[in-house]
Amino acid sequence: MATQARSEASAILSRLGTSHPPNTAEREHLFALVYDELRRIAGALMSDERRAVTLQPTALVHEVYLALAERRSDWQGRAHFLALASRCMRHVLVDHARARSAAKRGGDRRAVTLDEGLVGEQPRDVETLMLNDVLDKLAALDERAARVAEMRLFGGMTVKEIAEALDVSPRTVDGDWVTARLWLSRELSND
């Protein structure tokens, strides 16, 4: 996202966070500003799909937008918006994987590539449902580390963006990310 578009998106998010009722025109303008970035994130999440794709990145972005549009305008800036978008992407992908799995008696789960060096140097395909389960387990032990992992893996957010969204230092995010990667790696290798 270009710097000017980021600034404009941040300004709109600030206004939306204080306007009641939410301004529909500004929400639509915000979507136009962040669409390419959300589409890039969705494309990266779905880039390693090997089977017949039934959910395209564009459809994922639209489902995420609809989920975000239903929320009250409680966005506290760009980083918070991206954090919510990450959570929505996770839920949409998990719901989609569950539906496909149910339709095929569990035999057609969608794989997600973790390219953040989760296991050694090689990217590893992990089923969306399995990743969701281990993230939930991690959240029970360390909520912030699980949120950091969710924002990195499902939202493609930077350390700085995550730090802003969680209102912690980038160093704290780095530590949480190391913890989350190690924990996820161990849990996923056990499965």
N, C-alpha and C. Protein backbone atom coordinates (compact mmCIF):
# COMPACT_ATOMS: atom_id res chain seq x y z
N MET A 1 0.85 -1.16 0.00
CA MET A 1 0.00 0.00 0.00
C MET A 1 0.90 1.23 0.00
N ALA A 2 0.65 2.16 -0.88
CA ALA A 2 1.45 3.37 -0.98
C ALA A 2 1.30 4.19 0.29
N THR A 3 2.32 5.01 0.58
CA THR A 3 2.33 5.81 1.80
C THR A 3 1.12 6.72 1.90
N GLN A 4 0.75 7.35 0.79
CA GLN A 4 -0.41 8.25 0.80
C GLN A 4 -1.69 7.47 1.11
N ALA A 5 -1.84 6.30 0.51
CA ALA A 5 -3.03 5.49 0.76
C ALA A 5 -3.05 5.01 2.21
N ARG A 6 -1.87 4.66 2.77
CA ARG A 6 -1.81 4.25 4.17
C ARG A 6 -2.25 5.39 5.08
N SER A 7 -1.76 6.59 4.80
CA SER A 7 -2.13 7.75 5.62
C SER A 7 -3.62 8.02 5.52
N GLU A 8 -4.14 7.95 4.31
CA GLU A 8 -5.56 8.21 4.11
C GLU A 8 -6.40 7.13 4.81
N ALA A 9 -5.97 5.87 4.71
CA ALA A 9 -6.68 4.77 5.38
C ALA A 9 -6.66 4.97 6.89
N SER A 10 -5.51 5.37 7.43
CA SER A 10 -5.40 5.61 8.87
C SER A 10 -6.32 6.73 9.31
N ALA A 11 -6.39 7.79 8.52
CA ALA A 11 -7.27 8.92 8.86
C ALA A 11 -8.74 8.49 8.84
N ILE A 12 -9.12 7.71 7.84
CA ILE A 12 -10.50 7.23 7.77
C ILE A 12 -10.80 6.32 8.95
N LEU A 13 -9.87 5.43 9.28
CA LEU A 13 -10.07 4.52 10.41
C LEU A 13 -10.25 5.30 11.70
N SER A 14 -9.50 6.37 11.87
CA SER A 14 -9.64 7.20 13.08
C SER A 14 -11.02 7.85 13.12
N ARG A 15 -11.45 8.38 11.98
CA ARG A 15 -12.78 9.00 11.92
C ARG A 15 -13.88 7.98 12.15
N LEU A 16 -13.74 6.81 11.55
CA LEU A 16 -14.75 5.77 11.72
C LEU A 16 -14.84 5.31 13.16
N GLY A 17 -13.70 5.31 13.84
CA GLY A 17 -13.68 4.88 15.23
C GLY A 17 -14.44 5.81 16.16
N THR A 18 -14.66 7.05 15.73
CA THR A 18 -15.35 8.02 16.59
C THR A 18 -16.72 8.39 16.06
N SER A 19 -17.09 7.95 14.86
CA SER A 19 -18.39 8.35 14.29
C SER A 19 -19.46 7.33 14.64
N HIS A 20 -20.57 7.83 15.10
CA HIS A 20 -21.73 6.97 15.42
C HIS A 20 -22.96 7.66 14.88
N PRO A 21 -23.69 7.10 13.99
CA PRO A 21 -23.47 5.80 13.37
C PRO A 21 -22.32 5.87 12.37
N PRO A 22 -21.77 4.70 12.02
CA PRO A 22 -20.65 4.68 11.08
C PRO A 22 -21.02 5.28 9.73
N ASN A 23 -20.05 5.93 9.12
CA ASN A 23 -20.24 6.55 7.82
C ASN A 23 -20.01 5.49 6.73
N THR A 24 -21.08 5.11 6.04
CA THR A 24 -21.01 4.05 5.03
C THR A 24 -20.11 4.44 3.87
N ALA A 25 -20.16 5.67 3.44
CA ALA A 25 -19.33 6.11 2.32
C ALA A 25 -17.85 6.01 2.67
N GLU A 26 -17.50 6.37 3.89
CA GLU A 26 -16.10 6.27 4.31
C GLU A 26 -15.67 4.81 4.43
N ARG A 27 -16.55 3.94 4.90
CA ARG A 27 -16.24 2.51 4.95
C ARG A 27 -15.93 1.98 3.55
N GLU A 28 -16.73 2.37 2.59
CA GLU A 28 -16.52 1.92 1.21
C GLU A 28 -15.21 2.47 0.65
N HIS A 29 -14.91 3.73 0.96
CA HIS A 29 -13.65 4.33 0.50
C HIS A 29 -12.46 3.62 1.16
N LEU A 30 -12.60 3.29 2.45
CA LEU A 30 -11.55 2.55 3.15
C LEU A 30 -11.31 1.21 2.47
N PHE A 31 -12.37 0.50 2.14
CA PHE A 31 -12.23 -0.79 1.48
C PHE A 31 -11.47 -0.64 0.17
N ALA A 32 -11.79 0.41 -0.59
CA ALA A 32 -11.07 0.64 -1.85
C ALA A 32 -9.58 0.87 -1.59
N LEU A 33 -9.26 1.57 -0.50
CA LEU A 33 -7.86 1.85 -0.18
C LEU A 33 -7.09 0.62 0.27
N VAL A 34 -7.74 -0.27 1.01
CA VAL A 34 -7.04 -1.44 1.56
C VAL A 34 -7.24 -2.69 0.73
N TYR A 35 -8.06 -2.62 -0.29
CA TYR A 35 -8.39 -3.80 -1.08
C TYR A 35 -7.14 -4.49 -1.63
N ASP A 36 -6.26 -3.74 -2.26
CA ASP A 36 -5.07 -4.36 -2.87
C ASP A 36 -4.20 -5.04 -1.81
N GLU A 37 -4.06 -4.42 -0.65
CA GLU A 37 -3.24 -5.03 0.40
C GLU A 37 -3.90 -6.31 0.92
N LEU A 38 -5.21 -6.27 1.15
CA LEU A 38 -5.91 -7.47 1.60
C LEU A 38 -5.85 -8.55 0.53
N ARG A 39 -5.94 -8.18 -0.72
CA ARG A 39 -5.88 -9.13 -1.84
C ARG A 39 -4.49 -9.79 -1.91
N ARG A 40 -3.44 -8.99 -1.66
CA ARG A 40 -2.07 -9.52 -1.64
C ARG A 40 -1.90 -10.53 -0.52
N ILE A 41 -2.42 -10.19 0.66
CA ILE A 41 -2.33 -11.10 1.80
C ILE A 41 -3.09 -12.39 1.51
N ALA A 42 -4.30 -12.26 0.98
CA ALA A 42 -5.11 -13.44 0.66
C ALA A 42 -4.43 -14.29 -0.41
N GLY A 43 -3.85 -13.64 -1.41
CA GLY A 43 -3.14 -14.38 -2.45
C GLY A 43 -1.96 -15.15 -1.89
N ALA A 44 -1.23 -14.53 -0.96
CA ALA A 44 -0.09 -15.21 -0.35
C ALA A 44 -0.56 -16.40 0.49
N LEU A 45 -1.66 -16.23 1.20
CA LEU A 45 -2.19 -17.33 2.01
C LEU A 45 -2.61 -18.51 1.16
N MET A 46 -3.10 -18.23 -0.03
CA MET A 46 -3.68 -19.28 -0.86
C MET A 46 -2.78 -19.67 -2.02
N SER A 47 -1.56 -19.18 -2.06
CA SER A 47 -0.68 -19.39 -3.21
C SER A 47 -0.23 -20.84 -3.39
N ASP A 48 -0.26 -21.62 -2.34
CA ASP A 48 0.25 -22.99 -2.43
C ASP A 48 -0.86 -24.03 -2.59
N GLU A 49 -2.03 -23.57 -2.97
CA GLU A 49 -3.15 -24.49 -3.17
C GLU A 49 -2.83 -25.44 -4.31
N ARG A 50 -2.93 -26.73 -4.06
CA ARG A 50 -2.58 -27.72 -5.08
C ARG A 50 -3.80 -28.38 -5.71
N ARG A 51 -4.89 -28.39 -4.97
CA ARG A 51 -6.10 -29.03 -5.47
C ARG A 51 -6.99 -28.00 -6.14
N ALA A 52 -8.12 -28.48 -6.63
CA ALA A 52 -9.08 -27.58 -7.25
C ALA A 52 -9.46 -26.50 -6.24
N VAL A 53 -9.26 -25.26 -6.61
CA VAL A 53 -9.52 -24.15 -5.71
C VAL A 53 -10.99 -23.77 -5.80
N THR A 54 -11.65 -23.77 -4.64
CA THR A 54 -13.04 -23.36 -4.62
C THR A 54 -13.21 -22.00 -3.97
N LEU A 55 -12.19 -21.50 -3.31
CA LEU A 55 -12.22 -20.17 -2.73
C LEU A 55 -11.04 -19.40 -3.28
N GLN A 56 -11.32 -18.38 -4.03
CA GLN A 56 -10.27 -17.56 -4.63
C GLN A 56 -9.90 -16.42 -3.68
N PRO A 57 -8.69 -15.86 -3.81
CA PRO A 57 -8.30 -14.74 -2.95
C PRO A 57 -9.30 -13.59 -2.98
N THR A 58 -9.85 -13.29 -4.15
CA THR A 58 -10.82 -12.20 -4.26
C THR A 58 -12.05 -12.51 -3.41
N ALA A 59 -12.52 -13.74 -3.46
CA ALA A 59 -13.68 -14.14 -2.66
C ALA A 59 -13.35 -14.05 -1.17
N LEU A 60 -12.14 -14.45 -0.80
CA LEU A 60 -11.72 -14.36 0.60
C LEU A 60 -11.74 -12.91 1.06
N VAL A 61 -11.20 -12.01 0.26
CA VAL A 61 -11.18 -10.60 0.62
C VAL A 61 -12.60 -10.06 0.78
N HIS A 62 -13.49 -10.44 -0.11
CA HIS A 62 -14.86 -9.97 -0.02
C HIS A 62 -15.57 -10.51 1.23
N GLU A 63 -15.32 -11.77 1.57
CA GLU A 63 -15.91 -12.32 2.79
C GLU A 63 -15.35 -11.62 4.02
N VAL A 64 -14.05 -11.33 4.00
CA VAL A 64 -13.44 -10.61 5.12
C VAL A 64 -14.04 -9.22 5.22
N TYR A 65 -14.19 -8.55 4.10
CA TYR A 65 -14.78 -7.20 4.13
C TYR A 65 -16.19 -7.24 4.71
N LEU A 66 -16.99 -8.21 4.27
CA LEU A 66 -18.36 -8.31 4.80
C LEU A 66 -18.35 -8.54 6.31
N ALA A 67 -17.44 -9.38 6.77
CA ALA A 67 -17.35 -9.62 8.21
C ALA A 67 -16.92 -8.36 8.95
N LEU A 68 -15.98 -7.62 8.39
CA LEU A 68 -15.53 -6.39 9.02
C LEU A 68 -16.60 -5.30 8.97
N ALA A 69 -17.34 -5.25 7.88
CA ALA A 69 -18.38 -4.23 7.72
C ALA A 69 -19.51 -4.44 8.72
N GLU A 70 -19.73 -5.69 9.14
CA GLU A 70 -20.78 -5.97 10.13
C GLU A 70 -20.40 -5.48 11.51
N ARG A 71 -19.11 -5.34 11.76
CA ARG A 71 -18.63 -4.89 13.07
C ARG A 71 -18.93 -3.41 13.23
N ARG A 72 -19.14 -3.02 14.47
CA ARG A 72 -19.24 -1.61 14.75
C ARG A 72 -17.89 -0.96 14.43
N SER A 73 -17.87 0.27 14.12
CA SER A 73 -16.61 0.95 13.75
C SER A 73 -15.75 1.16 14.99
N ASP A 74 -15.18 0.08 15.49
CA ASP A 74 -14.32 0.19 16.67
C ASP A 74 -12.85 0.04 16.30
N TRP A 75 -12.54 0.32 15.04
CA TRP A 75 -11.16 0.20 14.59
C TRP A 75 -10.35 1.36 15.16
N GLN A 76 -9.18 1.05 15.67
CA GLN A 76 -8.36 2.05 16.32
C GLN A 76 -7.13 2.40 15.49
N GLY A 77 -7.25 2.34 14.21
CA GLY A 77 -6.14 2.65 13.33
C GLY A 77 -5.85 1.49 12.40
N ARG A 78 -4.89 1.71 11.52
CA ARG A 78 -4.56 0.74 10.48
C ARG A 78 -4.11 -0.60 11.03
N ALA A 79 -3.23 -0.58 12.03
CA ALA A 79 -2.72 -1.83 12.59
C ALA A 79 -3.85 -2.64 13.24
N HIS A 80 -4.73 -1.96 13.95
CA HIS A 80 -5.86 -2.65 14.58
C HIS A 80 -6.79 -3.23 13.50
N PHE A 81 -7.02 -2.48 12.45
CA PHE A 81 -7.85 -2.95 11.34
C PHE A 81 -7.23 -4.21 10.72
N LEU A 82 -5.91 -4.19 10.47
CA LEU A 82 -5.24 -5.37 9.90
C LEU A 82 -5.29 -6.56 10.85
N ALA A 83 -5.20 -6.30 12.15
CA ALA A 83 -5.31 -7.39 13.12
C ALA A 83 -6.69 -8.03 13.06
N LEU A 84 -7.72 -7.21 12.95
CA LEU A 84 -9.08 -7.74 12.82
C LEU A 84 -9.24 -8.47 11.49
N ALA A 85 -8.65 -7.94 10.44
CA ALA A 85 -8.71 -8.60 9.13
C ALA A 85 -8.01 -9.96 9.19
N SER A 86 -6.90 -10.04 9.92
CA SER A 86 -6.19 -11.32 10.08
C SER A 86 -7.08 -12.35 10.75
N ARG A 87 -7.75 -11.92 11.81
CA ARG A 87 -8.65 -12.83 12.52
C ARG A 87 -9.80 -13.26 11.62
N CYS A 88 -10.34 -12.32 10.85
CA CYS A 88 -11.43 -12.66 9.93
C CYS A 88 -10.96 -13.63 8.85
N MET A 89 -9.76 -13.42 8.31
CA MET A 89 -9.23 -14.34 7.30
C MET A 89 -9.08 -15.74 7.88
N ARG A 90 -8.59 -15.80 9.10
CA ARG A 90 -8.45 -17.10 9.75
C ARG A 90 -9.81 -17.79 9.85
N HIS A 91 -10.82 -17.06 10.32
CA HIS A 91 -12.14 -17.66 10.49
C HIS A 91 -12.77 -18.07 9.17
N VAL A 92 -12.61 -17.24 8.15
CA VAL A 92 -13.18 -17.59 6.84
C VAL A 92 -12.50 -18.84 6.29
N LEU A 93 -11.17 -18.90 6.37
CA LEU A 93 -10.45 -20.08 5.88
C LEU A 93 -10.80 -21.34 6.67
N VAL A 94 -10.94 -21.21 7.98
CA VAL A 94 -11.29 -22.36 8.80
C VAL A 94 -12.71 -22.82 8.47
N ASP A 95 -13.65 -21.87 8.36
CA ASP A 95 -15.02 -22.24 8.00
C ASP A 95 -15.08 -22.91 6.64
N HIS A 96 -14.30 -22.38 5.70
CA HIS A 96 -14.26 -22.96 4.36
C HIS A 96 -13.67 -24.37 4.40
N ALA A 97 -12.60 -24.54 5.17
CA ALA A 97 -11.97 -25.86 5.29
C ALA A 97 -12.92 -26.86 5.95
N ARG A 98 -13.64 -26.40 6.97
CA ARG A 98 -14.61 -27.29 7.63
C ARG A 98 -15.71 -27.71 6.65
N ALA A 99 -16.20 -26.76 5.87
CA ALA A 99 -17.26 -27.08 4.91
C ALA A 99 -16.77 -28.07 3.87
N ARG A 100 -15.57 -27.85 3.35
CA ARG A 100 -15.01 -28.78 2.36
C ARG A 100 -14.76 -30.14 2.98
N SER A 101 -14.27 -30.14 4.21
CA SER A 101 -13.98 -31.39 4.89
C SER A 101 -15.27 -32.17 5.14
N ALA A 102 -16.30 -31.48 5.56
CA ALA A 102 -17.58 -32.15 5.81
C ALA A 102 -18.16 -32.69 4.51
N ALA A 103 -18.00 -31.95 3.44
CA ALA A 103 -18.54 -32.37 2.14
C ALA A 103 -17.84 -33.62 1.62
N LYS A 104 -16.60 -33.79 1.98
CA LYS A 104 -15.83 -34.93 1.47
C LYS A 104 -15.46 -35.91 2.58
N ARG A 105 -16.22 -35.93 3.67
CA ARG A 105 -15.96 -36.83 4.80
C ARG A 105 -14.55 -36.68 5.35
N GLY A 106 -14.08 -35.45 5.40
CA GLY A 106 -12.78 -35.20 6.01
C GLY A 106 -11.60 -35.35 5.09
N GLY A 107 -11.83 -35.64 3.79
CA GLY A 107 -10.71 -35.92 2.92
C GLY A 107 -10.22 -34.78 2.08
N ASP A 108 -10.79 -33.58 2.24
CA ASP A 108 -10.39 -32.50 1.35
C ASP A 108 -10.10 -31.22 2.13
N ARG A 109 -9.18 -31.29 3.07
CA ARG A 109 -8.82 -30.11 3.85
C ARG A 109 -7.86 -29.24 3.06
N ARG A 110 -7.95 -27.94 3.26
CA ARG A 110 -7.12 -26.98 2.54
C ARG A 110 -5.82 -26.75 3.27
N ALA A 111 -4.72 -26.83 2.57
CA ALA A 111 -3.40 -26.63 3.18
C ALA A 111 -2.99 -25.17 3.09
N VAL A 112 -2.26 -24.71 4.08
CA VAL A 112 -1.72 -23.36 4.13
C VAL A 112 -0.21 -23.49 4.23
N THR A 113 0.53 -22.70 3.49
CA THR A 113 1.98 -22.73 3.58
C THR A 113 2.43 -21.75 4.63
N LEU A 114 3.25 -22.24 5.54
CA LEU A 114 3.84 -21.37 6.54
C LEU A 114 5.25 -21.04 6.07
N ASP A 115 5.41 -19.83 5.56
CA ASP A 115 6.70 -19.50 4.99
C ASP A 115 7.53 -18.63 5.92
N GLU A 116 7.17 -18.60 7.17
CA GLU A 116 7.91 -17.80 8.12
C GLU A 116 9.02 -18.58 8.81
N GLY A 117 9.42 -19.70 8.23
CA GLY A 117 10.50 -20.47 8.82
C GLY A 117 10.06 -21.24 10.05
N LEU A 118 8.80 -21.66 10.06
CA LEU A 118 8.26 -22.34 11.22
C LEU A 118 9.01 -23.63 11.53
N VAL A 119 9.34 -24.39 10.50
CA VAL A 119 10.07 -25.65 10.72
C VAL A 119 11.29 -25.63 9.82
N GLY A 120 12.43 -25.38 10.41
CA GLY A 120 13.66 -25.36 9.63
C GLY A 120 13.63 -24.27 8.56
N GLU A 121 14.32 -24.54 7.47
CA GLU A 121 14.41 -23.58 6.40
C GLU A 121 13.34 -23.79 5.32
N GLN A 122 12.73 -24.98 5.28
CA GLN A 122 11.78 -25.31 4.24
C GLN A 122 10.36 -24.92 4.64
N PRO A 123 9.58 -24.32 3.73
CA PRO A 123 8.18 -24.08 4.04
C PRO A 123 7.47 -25.42 4.25
N ARG A 124 6.47 -25.43 5.08
CA ARG A 124 5.77 -26.66 5.39
C ARG A 124 4.27 -26.44 5.22
N ASP A 125 3.62 -27.32 4.47
CA ASP A 125 2.18 -27.25 4.32
C ASP A 125 1.52 -27.83 5.56
N VAL A 126 0.60 -27.09 6.08
CA VAL A 126 -0.12 -27.51 7.27
C VAL A 126 -1.60 -27.31 7.00
N GLU A 127 -2.39 -28.27 7.37
CA GLU A 127 -3.82 -28.14 7.15
C GLU A 127 -4.36 -26.99 7.98
N THR A 128 -5.27 -26.25 7.37
CA THR A 128 -5.85 -25.09 8.02
C THR A 128 -6.50 -25.46 9.35
N LEU A 129 -7.22 -26.55 9.36
CA LEU A 129 -7.90 -26.94 10.60
C LEU A 129 -6.91 -27.32 11.70
N MET A 130 -5.83 -27.98 11.32
CA MET A 130 -4.82 -28.35 12.31
C MET A 130 -4.16 -27.09 12.86
N LEU A 131 -3.82 -26.16 11.99
CA LEU A 131 -3.21 -24.91 12.43
C LEU A 131 -4.16 -24.16 13.35
N ASN A 132 -5.43 -24.12 13.00
CA ASN A 132 -6.41 -23.47 13.85
C ASN A 132 -6.44 -24.10 15.24
N ASP A 133 -6.45 -25.43 15.30
CA ASP A 133 -6.48 -26.14 16.58
C ASP A 133 -5.25 -25.83 17.42
N VAL A 134 -4.08 -25.84 16.82
CA VAL A 134 -2.87 -25.59 17.62
C VAL A 134 -2.79 -24.12 18.04
N LEU A 135 -3.30 -23.21 17.21
CA LEU A 135 -3.35 -21.80 17.63
C LEU A 135 -4.29 -21.63 18.82
N ASP A 136 -5.40 -22.36 18.81
CA ASP A 136 -6.32 -22.30 19.95
C ASP A 136 -5.65 -22.84 21.21
N LYS A 137 -4.88 -23.92 21.08
CA LYS A 137 -4.15 -24.47 22.23
C LYS A 137 -3.12 -23.47 22.74
N LEU A 138 -2.42 -22.83 21.82
CA LEU A 138 -1.43 -21.83 22.21
C LEU A 138 -2.12 -20.66 22.93
N ALA A 139 -3.28 -20.25 22.43
CA ALA A 139 -4.00 -19.14 23.05
C ALA A 139 -4.36 -19.44 24.50
N ALA A 140 -4.65 -20.70 24.80
CA ALA A 140 -4.97 -21.08 26.17
C ALA A 140 -3.75 -20.93 27.08
N LEU A 141 -2.55 -21.05 26.50
CA LEU A 141 -1.31 -20.93 27.28
C LEU A 141 -0.74 -19.52 27.25
N ASP A 142 -0.80 -18.88 26.07
CA ASP A 142 -0.19 -17.57 25.89
C ASP A 142 -0.99 -16.82 24.82
N GLU A 143 -1.99 -16.09 25.26
CA GLU A 143 -2.92 -15.41 24.34
C GLU A 143 -2.18 -14.46 23.39
N ARG A 144 -1.25 -13.67 23.93
CA ARG A 144 -0.56 -12.70 23.08
C ARG A 144 0.30 -13.38 22.03
N ALA A 145 1.01 -14.42 22.39
CA ALA A 145 1.83 -15.15 21.40
C ALA A 145 0.94 -15.73 20.31
N ALA A 146 -0.23 -16.23 20.68
CA ALA A 146 -1.16 -16.77 19.68
C ALA A 146 -1.67 -15.67 18.76
N ARG A 147 -1.94 -14.51 19.30
CA ARG A 147 -2.40 -13.39 18.46
C ARG A 147 -1.29 -12.93 17.51
N VAL A 148 -0.05 -12.90 18.02
CA VAL A 148 1.09 -12.54 17.17
C VAL A 148 1.19 -13.54 16.02
N ALA A 149 1.11 -14.83 16.32
CA ALA A 149 1.19 -15.85 15.27
C ALA A 149 0.05 -15.70 14.27
N GLU A 150 -1.15 -15.45 14.76
CA GLU A 150 -2.30 -15.26 13.88
C GLU A 150 -2.08 -14.08 12.94
N MET A 151 -1.60 -12.97 13.48
CA MET A 151 -1.39 -11.78 12.65
C MET A 151 -0.28 -11.98 11.64
N ARG A 152 0.78 -12.73 12.02
CA ARG A 152 1.87 -13.01 11.08
C ARG A 152 1.42 -13.99 10.00
N LEU A 153 0.77 -15.09 10.42
CA LEU A 153 0.46 -16.17 9.49
C LEU A 153 -0.77 -15.90 8.64
N PHE A 154 -1.80 -15.29 9.23
CA PHE A 154 -3.04 -15.06 8.49
C PHE A 154 -3.16 -13.63 7.97
N GLY A 155 -2.42 -12.71 8.53
CA GLY A 155 -2.53 -11.32 8.10
C GLY A 155 -1.30 -10.77 7.43
N GLY A 156 -0.19 -11.50 7.48
CA GLY A 156 1.03 -11.02 6.86
C GLY A 156 1.53 -9.72 7.45
N MET A 157 1.17 -9.45 8.69
CA MET A 157 1.53 -8.18 9.32
C MET A 157 3.00 -8.17 9.73
N THR A 158 3.57 -6.99 9.72
CA THR A 158 4.96 -6.82 10.15
C THR A 158 5.02 -6.76 11.68
N VAL A 159 6.22 -6.91 12.22
CA VAL A 159 6.41 -6.80 13.66
C VAL A 159 5.95 -5.44 14.15
N LYS A 160 6.28 -4.40 13.42
CA LYS A 160 5.89 -3.04 13.81
C LYS A 160 4.37 -2.89 13.84
N GLU A 161 3.69 -3.42 12.84
CA GLU A 161 2.23 -3.33 12.79
C GLU A 161 1.59 -4.10 13.94
N ILE A 162 2.14 -5.28 14.23
CA ILE A 162 1.61 -6.08 15.34
C ILE A 162 1.84 -5.37 16.66
N ALA A 163 3.02 -4.79 16.83
CA ALA A 163 3.33 -4.06 18.06
C ALA A 163 2.33 -2.92 18.26
N GLU A 164 2.03 -2.23 17.19
CA GLU A 164 1.06 -1.12 17.27
C GLU A 164 -0.33 -1.65 17.61
N ALA A 165 -0.74 -2.73 16.97
CA ALA A 165 -2.07 -3.29 17.21
C ALA A 165 -2.22 -3.79 18.65
N LEU A 166 -1.16 -4.37 19.21
CA LEU A 166 -1.22 -4.93 20.55
C LEU A 166 -0.77 -3.94 21.63
N ASP A 167 -0.28 -2.79 21.20
CA ASP A 167 0.21 -1.76 22.11
C ASP A 167 1.34 -2.29 22.99
N VAL A 168 2.30 -2.94 22.32
CA VAL A 168 3.50 -3.43 22.99
C VAL A 168 4.70 -3.03 22.13
N SER A 169 5.89 -3.28 22.63
CA SER A 169 7.09 -2.93 21.86
C SER A 169 7.37 -3.97 20.77
N PRO A 170 8.06 -3.57 19.71
CA PRO A 170 8.46 -4.54 18.69
C PRO A 170 9.32 -5.68 19.27
N ARG A 171 10.12 -5.36 20.27
CA ARG A 171 10.95 -6.40 20.90
C ARG A 171 10.07 -7.46 21.58
N THR A 172 8.98 -7.03 22.19
CA THR A 172 8.04 -7.96 22.81
C THR A 172 7.40 -8.85 21.75
N VAL A 173 7.03 -8.25 20.61
CA VAL A 173 6.45 -9.02 19.51
C VAL A 173 7.46 -10.04 19.00
N ASP A 174 8.71 -9.61 18.84
CA ASP A 174 9.76 -10.55 18.39
C ASP A 174 9.85 -11.75 19.34
N GLY A 175 9.86 -11.48 20.63
CA GLY A 175 9.93 -12.57 21.61
C GLY A 175 8.71 -13.49 21.54
N ASP A 176 7.53 -12.88 21.41
CA ASP A 176 6.31 -13.68 21.29
C ASP A 176 6.32 -14.51 20.02
N TRP A 177 6.85 -13.94 18.94
CA TRP A 177 6.89 -14.66 17.67
C TRP A 177 7.84 -15.85 17.75
N VAL A 178 8.98 -15.67 18.40
CA VAL A 178 9.92 -16.79 18.60
C VAL A 178 9.24 -17.88 19.43
N THR A 179 8.60 -17.49 20.51
CA THR A 179 7.89 -18.45 21.36
C THR A 179 6.82 -19.19 20.57
N ALA A 180 6.01 -18.44 19.82
CA ALA A 180 4.92 -19.04 19.05
C ALA A 180 5.46 -20.00 18.00
N ARG A 181 6.51 -19.59 17.28
CA ARG A 181 7.08 -20.47 16.24
C ARG A 181 7.58 -21.78 16.83
N LEU A 182 8.31 -21.68 17.93
CA LEU A 182 8.83 -22.89 18.56
C LEU A 182 7.70 -23.79 19.05
N TRP A 183 6.70 -23.19 19.69
CA TRP A 183 5.59 -23.97 20.22
C TRP A 183 4.79 -24.61 19.08
N LEU A 184 4.48 -23.84 18.06
CA LEU A 184 3.73 -24.37 16.91
C LEU A 184 4.52 -25.46 16.21
N SER A 185 5.81 -25.25 16.05
CA SER A 185 6.65 -26.25 15.40
C SER A 185 6.60 -27.57 16.15
N ARG A 186 6.73 -27.50 17.46
CA ARG A 186 6.67 -28.71 18.28
C ARG A 186 5.31 -29.39 18.17
N GLU A 187 4.25 -28.64 18.29
CA GLU A 187 2.90 -29.21 18.25
C GLU A 187 2.58 -29.80 16.88
N LEU A 188 2.98 -29.08 15.82
CA LEU A 188 2.68 -29.56 14.47
C LEU A 188 3.52 -30.77 14.11
N SER A 189 4.75 -30.84 14.63
CA SER A 189 5.58 -32.01 14.32
C SER A 189 5.08 -33.24 15.08
N ASN A 190 4.42 -33.04 16.22
CA ASN A 190 3.82 -34.16 16.95
C ASN A 190 2.64 -34.75 16.22
N ASP A 191 1.96 -33.92 15.42
CA ASP A 191 0.81 -34.38 14.65
C ASP A 191 1.27 -35.00 13.36
